PDB file of N, CA and C in Angstrom:
ATOM      1  N   MET A   1      88.782  53.646 113.364  1.00  0.00           N
ATOM      2  CA  MET A   1      89.209  54.998 113.587  1.00  0.00           C
ATOM      3  C   MET A   1      88.788  55.395 115.000  1.00  0.00           C
ATOM      4  N   PRO A   2      89.722  55.645 115.876  1.00  0.00           N
ATOM      5  CA  PRO A   2      89.345  56.042 117.234  1.00  0.00           C
ATOM      6  C   PRO A   2      88.707  57.429 117.244  1.00  0.00           C
ATOM      7  N   LEU A   3      87.731  57.574 118.104  1.00  0.00           N
ATOM      8  CA  LEU A   3      87.010  58.846 118.208  1.00  0.00           C
ATOM      9  C   LEU A   3      86.650  59.071 119.664  1.00  0.00           C
ATOM     10  N   THR A   4      86.921  60.264 120.161  1.00  0.00           N
ATOM     11  CA  THR A   4      86.566  60.621 121.528  1.00  0.00           C
ATOM     12  C   THR A   4      85.594  61.783 121.486  1.00  0.00           C
ATOM     13  N   ILE A   5      84.476  61.625 122.184  1.00  0.00           N
ATOM     14  CA  ILE A   5      83.495  62.697 122.296  1.00  0.00           C
ATOM     15  C   ILE A   5      83.366  63.023 123.776  1.00  0.00           C
ATOM     16  N   ARG A   6      83.623  64.267 124.121  1.00  0.00           N
ATOM     17  CA  ARG A   6      83.538  64.685 125.520  1.00  0.00           C
ATOM     18  C   ARG A   6      82.261  65.489 125.712  1.00  0.00           C
ATOM     19  N   LEU A   7      81.404  64.992 126.579  1.00  0.00           N
ATOM     20  CA  LEU A   7      80.145  65.672 126.879  1.00  0.00           C
ATOM     21  C   LEU A   7      80.120  66.053 128.347  1.00  0.00           C
ATOM     22  N   GLY A   8      79.637  67.250 128.612  1.00  0.00           N
ATOM     23  CA  GLY A   8      79.418  67.655 129.993  1.00  0.00           C
ATOM     24  C   GLY A   8      78.153  66.985 130.511  1.00  0.00           C
ATOM     25  N   GLU A   9      77.872  67.179 131.775  1.00  0.00           N
ATOM     26  CA  GLU A   9      76.697  66.545 132.384  1.00  0.00           C
ATOM     27  C   GLU A   9      75.405  66.991 131.703  1.00  0.00           C
ATOM     28  N   ARG A  10      75.301  68.278 131.394  1.00  0.00           N
ATOM     29  CA  ARG A  10      74.076  68.789 130.753  1.00  0.00           C
ATOM     30  C   ARG A  10      73.909  68.210 129.344  1.00  0.00           C
ATOM     31  N   GLU A  11      75.009  68.163 128.582  1.00  0.00           N
ATOM     32  CA  GLU A  11      74.933  67.631 127.226  1.00  0.00           C
ATOM     33  C   GLU A  11      74.583  66.148 127.229  1.00  0.00           C
ATOM     34  N   TYR A  12      75.197  65.410 128.167  1.00  0.00           N
ATOM     35  CA  TYR A  12      74.917  63.975 128.247  1.00  0.00           C
ATOM     36  C   TYR A  12      73.455  63.736 128.634  1.00  0.00           C
ATOM     37  N   ALA A  13      72.953  64.512 129.586  1.00  0.00           N
ATOM     38  CA  ALA A  13      71.551  64.371 129.994  1.00  0.00           C
ATOM     39  C   ALA A  13      70.620  64.677 128.821  1.00  0.00           C
ATOM     40  N   ALA A  14      70.957  65.695 128.030  1.00  0.00           N
ATOM     41  CA  ALA A  14      70.142  66.021 126.855  1.00  0.00           C
ATOM     42  C   ALA A  14      70.198  64.894 125.832  1.00  0.00           C
ATOM     43  N   LEU A  15      71.369  64.317 125.639  1.00  0.00           N
ATOM     44  CA  LEU A  15      71.519  63.201 124.698  1.00  0.00           C
ATOM     45  C   LEU A  15      70.676  62.006 125.136  1.00  0.00           C
ATOM     46  N   VAL A  16      70.708  61.679 126.411  1.00  0.00           N
ATOM     47  CA  VAL A  16      69.910  60.569 126.938  1.00  0.00           C
ATOM     48  C   VAL A  16      68.420  60.869 126.793  1.00  0.00           C
ATOM     49  N   ARG A  17      68.030  62.098 127.051  1.00  0.00           N
ATOM     50  CA  ARG A  17      66.627  62.495 126.916  1.00  0.00           C
ATOM     51  C   ARG A  17      66.156  62.333 125.460  1.00  0.00           C
ATOM     52  N   ILE A  18      66.969  62.778 124.508  1.00  0.00           N
ATOM     53  CA  ILE A  18      66.622  62.632 123.087  1.00  0.00           C
ATOM     54  C   ILE A  18      66.559  61.158 122.705  1.00  0.00           C
ATOM     55  N   ALA A  19      67.514  60.370 123.191  1.00  0.00           N
ATOM     56  CA  ALA A  19      67.536  58.941 122.867  1.00  0.00           C
ATOM     57  C   ALA A  19      66.290  58.248 123.403  1.00  0.00           C
ATOM     58  N   ARG A  20      65.895  58.566 124.621  1.00  0.00           N
ATOM     59  CA  ARG A  20      64.687  57.947 125.193  1.00  0.00           C
ATOM     60  C   ARG A  20      63.451  58.339 124.395  1.00  0.00           C
ATOM     61  N   ALA A  21      63.387  59.591 123.955  1.00  0.00           N
ATOM     62  CA  ALA A  21      62.242  60.044 123.163  1.00  0.00           C
ATOM     63  C   ALA A  21      62.174  59.313 121.826  1.00  0.00           C
ATOM     64  N   ARG A  22      63.327  58.882 121.321  1.00  0.00           N
ATOM     65  CA  ARG A  22      63.370  58.157 120.042  1.00  0.00           C
ATOM     66  C   ARG A  22      63.389  56.644 120.247  1.00  0.00           C
ATOM     67  N   ASP A  23      63.201  56.196 121.484  1.00  0.00           N
ATOM     68  CA  ASP A  23      63.171  54.774 121.835  1.00  0.00           C
ATOM     69  C   ASP A  23      64.446  54.052 121.394  1.00  0.00           C
ATOM     70  N   THR A  24      65.586  54.647 121.729  1.00  0.00           N
ATOM     71  CA  THR A  24      66.874  54.052 121.411  1.00  0.00           C
ATOM     72  C   THR A  24      67.836  54.354 122.558  1.00  0.00           C
ATOM     73  N   THR A  25      69.103  54.029 122.375  1.00  0.00           N
ATOM     74  CA  THR A  25      70.107  54.309 123.408  1.00  0.00           C
ATOM     75  C   THR A  25      70.964  55.495 122.991  1.00  0.00           C
ATOM     76  N   ALA A  26      71.643  56.080 123.963  1.00  0.00           N
ATOM     77  CA  ALA A  26      72.533  57.205 123.674  1.00  0.00           C
ATOM     78  C   ALA A  26      73.672  56.758 122.759  1.00  0.00           C
ATOM     79  N   ALA A  27      74.183  55.545 122.966  1.00  0.00           N
ATOM     80  CA  ALA A  27      75.276  55.039 122.130  1.00  0.00           C
ATOM     81  C   ALA A  27      74.841  54.901 120.676  1.00  0.00           C
ATOM     82  N   THR A  28      73.634  54.382 120.465  1.00  0.00           N
ATOM     83  CA  THR A  28      73.121  54.243 119.102  1.00  0.00           C
ATOM     84  C   THR A  28      72.921  55.606 118.463  1.00  0.00           C
ATOM     85  N   LEU A  29      72.428  56.545 119.229  1.00  0.00           N
ATOM     86  CA  LEU A  29      72.208  57.899 118.715  1.00  0.00           C
ATOM     87  C   LEU A  29      73.534  58.552 118.321  1.00  0.00           C
ATOM     88  N   VAL A  30      74.559  58.403 119.152  1.00  0.00           N
ATOM     89  CA  VAL A  30      75.878  58.959 118.837  1.00  0.00           C
ATOM     90  C   VAL A  30      76.431  58.295 117.576  1.00  0.00           C
ATOM     91  N   GLU A  31      76.276  56.978 117.471  1.00  0.00           N
ATOM     92  CA  GLU A  31      76.758  56.269 116.279  1.00  0.00           C
ATOM     93  C   GLU A  31      76.065  56.794 115.023  1.00  0.00           C
ATOM     94  N   GLN A  32      74.759  56.986 115.081  1.00  0.00           N
ATOM     95  CA  GLN A  32      74.025  57.512 113.930  1.00  0.00           C
ATOM     96  C   GLN A  32      74.493  58.921 113.573  1.00  0.00           C
ATOM     97  N   LEU A  33      74.715  59.755 114.583  1.00  0.00           N
ATOM     98  CA  LEU A  33      75.182  61.122 114.335  1.00  0.00           C
ATOM     99  C   LEU A  33      76.566  61.135 113.679  1.00  0.00           C
ATOM    100  N   VAL A  34      77.466  60.286 114.167  1.00  0.00           N
ATOM    101  CA  VAL A  34      78.816  60.230 113.611  1.00  0.00           C
ATOM    102  C   VAL A  34      78.776  59.711 112.178  1.00  0.00           C
ATOM    103  N   LEU A  35      78.011  58.648 111.925  1.00  0.00           N
ATOM    104  CA  LEU A  35      77.918  58.109 110.567  1.00  0.00           C
ATOM    105  C   LEU A  35      77.315  59.128 109.609  1.00  0.00           C
ATOM    106  N   HIS A  36      76.327  59.872 110.070  1.00  0.00           N
ATOM    107  CA  HIS A  36      75.728  60.911 109.234  1.00  0.00           C
ATOM    108  C   HIS A  36      76.760  62.000 108.914  1.00  0.00           C
ATOM    109  N   ALA A  37      77.522  62.413 109.924  1.00  0.00           N
ATOM    110  CA  ALA A  37      78.544  63.443 109.710  1.00  0.00           C
ATOM    111  C   ALA A  37      79.627  62.952 108.753  1.00  0.00           C
ATOM    112  N   LEU A  38      80.040  61.689 108.902  1.00  0.00           N
ATOM    113  CA  LEU A  38      81.058  61.137 108.008  1.00  0.00           C
ATOM    114  C   LEU A  38      80.542  61.029 106.579  1.00  0.00           C
ATOM    115  N   GLY A  39      79.248  60.763 106.436  1.00  0.00           N
ATOM    116  CA  GLY A  39      78.656  60.673 105.105  1.00  0.00           C
ATOM    117  C   GLY A  39      78.660  62.007 104.379  1.00  0.00           C
ATOM    118  N   LYS A  40      78.678  63.100 105.114  1.00  0.00           N
ATOM    119  CA  LYS A  40      78.674  64.434 104.511  1.00  0.00           C
ATOM    120  C   LYS A  40      80.078  65.033 104.402  1.00  0.00           C
ATOM    121  N   ALA A  41      81.062  64.411 105.042  1.00  0.00           N
ATOM    122  CA  ALA A  41      82.424  64.952 105.039  1.00  0.00           C
ATOM    123  C   ALA A  41      83.116  64.641 103.716  1.00  0.00           C
ATOM    124  N   SER A  42      83.969  65.559 103.281  1.00  0.00           N
ATOM    125  CA  SER A  42      84.743  65.295 102.065  1.00  0.00           C
ATOM    126  C   SER A  42      85.877  64.332 102.412  1.00  0.00           C
ATOM    127  N   VAL A  43      86.114  63.413 101.520  1.00  0.00           N
ATOM    128  CA  VAL A  43      87.123  62.385 101.754  1.00  0.00           C
ATOM    129  C   VAL A  43      88.336  62.701 100.883  1.00  0.00           C
ATOM    130  N   PRO A  44      89.519  62.797 101.472  1.00  0.00           N
ATOM    131  CA  PRO A  44      90.705  63.078 100.663  1.00  0.00           C
ATOM    132  C   PRO A  44      91.035  61.874  99.776  1.00  0.00           C
ATOM    133  N   PRO A  45      91.696  62.109  98.652  1.00  0.00           N
ATOM    134  CA  PRO A  45      92.059  60.980  97.783  1.00  0.00           C
ATOM    135  C   PRO A  45      93.069  60.081  98.486  1.00  0.00           C
ATOM    136  N   PRO A  46      93.119  58.816  98.111  1.00  0.00           N
ATOM    137  CA  PRO A  46      94.079  57.914  98.754  1.00  0.00           C
ATOM    138  C   PRO A  46      95.517  58.375  98.480  1.00  0.00           C
ATOM    139  N   ALA A  47      96.367  58.147  99.446  1.00  0.00           N
ATOM    140  CA  ALA A  47      97.774  58.530  99.297  1.00  0.00           C
ATOM    141  C   ALA A  47      98.438  57.627  98.266  1.00  0.00           C
ATOM    142  N   ASP A  48      99.304  58.211  97.467  1.00  0.00           N
ATOM    143  CA  ASP A  48     100.036  57.442  96.464  1.00  0.00           C
ATOM    144  C   ASP A  48     101.280  56.875  97.141  1.00  0.00           C
ATOM    145  N   SER A  49     101.107  55.739  97.779  1.00  0.00           N
ATOM    146  CA  SER A  49     102.222  55.158  98.531  1.00  0.00           C
ATOM    147  C   SER A  49     102.598  53.803  97.945  1.00  0.00           C
ATOM    148  N   HIS A  50     103.831  53.455  98.132  1.00  0.00           N
ATOM    149  CA  HIS A  50     104.350  52.178  97.658  1.00  0.00           C
ATOM    150  C   HIS A  50     105.048  51.499  98.825  1.00  0.00           C
ATOM    151  N   PRO A  51     105.090  50.168  98.817  1.00  0.00           N
ATOM    152  CA  PRO A  51     105.791  49.483  99.909  1.00  0.00           C
ATOM    153  C   PRO A  51     107.261  49.906  99.953  1.00  0.00           C
ATOM    154  N   ALA A  52     107.819  49.921 101.136  1.00  0.00           N
ATOM    155  CA  ALA A  52     109.219  50.309 101.307  1.00  0.00           C
ATOM    156  C   ALA A  52     110.153  49.317 100.612  1.00  0.00           C
ATOM    157  N   ARG A  53     109.758  48.069 100.565  1.00  0.00           N
ATOM    158  CA  ARG A  53     110.566  47.053  99.878  1.00  0.00           C
ATOM    159  C   ARG A  53     109.631  45.994  99.321  1.00  0.00           C
ATOM    160  N   ARG A  54     110.134  45.220  98.393  1.00  0.00           N
ATOM    161  CA  ARG A  54     109.292  44.190  97.795  1.00  0.00           C
ATOM    162  C   ARG A  54     109.118  43.020  98.760  1.00  0.00           C
ATOM    163  N   HIS A  55     108.103  42.209  98.507  1.00  0.00           N
ATOM    164  CA  HIS A  55     107.805  41.064  99.355  1.00  0.00           C
ATOM    165  C   HIS A  55     108.927  40.037  99.278  1.00  0.00           C
ATOM    166  N   THR A  56     109.316  39.481 100.420  1.00  0.00           N
ATOM    167  CA  THR A  56     110.322  38.429 100.474  1.00  0.00           C
ATOM    168  C   THR A  56     109.604  37.088 100.500  1.00  0.00           C
ATOM    169  N   THR A  57     109.958  36.206  99.567  1.00  0.00           N
ATOM    170  CA  THR A  57     109.315  34.894  99.529  1.00  0.00           C
ATOM    171  C   THR A  57     109.877  34.012 100.637  1.00  0.00           C
ATOM    172  N   TYR A  58     109.177  32.940 100.925  1.00  0.00           N
ATOM    173  CA  TYR A  58     109.632  31.997 101.947  1.00  0.00           C
ATOM    174  C   TYR A  58     110.982  31.406 101.546  1.00  0.00           C
ATOM    175  N   GLU A  59     111.115  31.069 100.272  1.00  0.00           N
ATOM    176  CA  GLU A  59     112.363  30.463  99.794  1.00  0.00           C
ATOM    177  C   GLU A  59     113.539  31.429  99.966  1.00  0.00           C
ATOM    178  N   GLU A  60     113.328  32.702  99.667  1.00  0.00           N
ATOM    179  CA  GLU A  60     114.393  33.694  99.835  1.00  0.00           C
ATOM    180  C   GLU A  60     114.745  33.881 101.312  1.00  0.00           C
ATOM    181  N   ALA A  61     113.748  33.885 102.158  1.00  0.00           N
ATOM    182  CA  ALA A  61     113.977  34.116 103.582  1.00  0.00           C
ATOM    183  C   ALA A  61     114.691  32.947 104.243  1.00  0.00           C
ATOM    184  N   THR A  62     114.476  31.741 103.745  1.00  0.00           N
ATOM    185  CA  THR A  62     115.065  30.557 104.382  1.00  0.00           C
ATOM    186  C   THR A  62     116.249  29.998 103.602  1.00  0.00           C
ATOM    187  N   ALA A  63     116.739  30.701 102.592  1.00  0.00           N
ATOM    188  CA  ALA A  63     117.813  30.192 101.736  1.00  0.00           C
ATOM    189  C   ALA A  63     119.106  29.932 102.516  1.00  0.00           C
ATOM    190  N   GLY A  64     119.419  30.700 103.532  1.00  0.00           N
ATOM    191  CA  GLY A  64     120.669  30.542 104.262  1.00  0.00           C
ATOM    192  C   GLY A  64     120.624  29.507 105.372  1.00  0.00           C
ATOM    193  N   PHE A  65     119.512  28.822 105.543  1.00  0.00           N
ATOM    194  CA  PHE A  65     119.362  27.846 106.617  1.00  0.00           C
ATOM    195  C   PHE A  65     119.236  26.451 106.031  1.00  0.00           C
ATOM    196  N   ARG A  66     119.682  25.464 106.787  1.00  0.00           N
ATOM    197  CA  ARG A  66     119.506  24.080 106.319  1.00  0.00           C
ATOM    198  C   ARG A  66     118.367  23.439 107.092  1.00  0.00           C
ATOM    199  N   ARG A  67     117.774  22.457 106.475  1.00  0.00           N
ATOM    200  CA  ARG A  67     116.646  21.755 107.068  1.00  0.00           C
ATOM    201  C   ARG A  67     117.116  20.945 108.281  1.00  0.00           C
ATOM    202  N   ASP A  68     116.316  20.891 109.347  1.00  0.00           N
ATOM    203  CA  ASP A  68     116.634  20.077 110.519  1.00  0.00           C
ATOM    204  C   ASP A  68     116.617  18.607 110.137  1.00  0.00           C
ATOM    205  N   SER A  69     117.562  17.864 110.728  1.00  0.00           N
ATOM    206  CA  SER A  69     117.545  16.417 110.481  1.00  0.00           C
ATOM    207  C   SER A  69     116.480  15.790 111.382  1.00  0.00           C
ATOM    208  N   PRO A  70     115.839  14.735 110.907  1.00  0.00           N
ATOM    209  CA  PRO A  70     114.794  14.111 111.732  1.00  0.00           C
ATOM    210  C   PRO A  70     115.394  13.526 113.008  1.00  0.00           C
ATOM    211  N   ARG A  71     114.683  13.646 114.098  1.00  0.00           N
ATOM    212  CA  ARG A  71     115.156  13.120 115.384  1.00  0.00           C
ATOM    213  C   ARG A  71     114.471  11.794 115.664  1.00  0.00           C
ATOM    214  N   LEU A  72     115.226  10.885 116.202  1.00  0.00           N
ATOM    215  CA  LEU A  72     114.673   9.591 116.582  1.00  0.00           C
ATOM    216  C   LEU A  72     114.436   9.570 118.079  1.00  0.00           C
ATOM    217  N   ALA A  73     113.400   8.881 118.474  1.00  0.00           N
ATOM    218  CA  ALA A  73     113.106   8.752 119.900  1.00  0.00           C
ATOM    219  C   ALA A  73     114.203   7.913 120.554  1.00  0.00           C
ATOM    220  N   PRO A  74     114.617   8.263 121.768  1.00  0.00           N
ATOM    221  CA  PRO A  74     115.665   7.472 122.430  1.00  0.00           C
ATOM    222  C   PRO A  74     115.156   6.068 122.756  1.00  0.00           C
ATOM    223  N   GLU A  75     116.065   5.112 122.622  1.00  0.00           N
ATOM    224  CA  GLU A  75     115.687   3.730 122.956  1.00  0.00           C
ATOM    225  C   GLU A  75     115.779   3.539 124.457  1.00  0.00           C
ATOM    226  N   LEU A  76     114.823   2.801 124.980  1.00  0.00           N
ATOM    227  CA  LEU A  76     114.805   2.551 126.421  1.00  0.00           C
ATOM    228  C   LEU A  76     115.349   1.215 126.763  1.00  0.00           C
TER     229      LEU A  76
END
């Protein structure tokens, strides 16, 4: 899931300061914050979706084609 977080210079400096105080990196701190927020977010039920069409087997897909004849190496 792509996620963009835009921080100004002051916010980024504060994030780095907090990360250093916790002996970690700003990236790790952001990851922990996002995972914590996702853990508290309500999750919608899965969509009731069905494939647009049924699966086509290999035999069905290749039924209109004939097998290639084996090729022989040219004689020298």
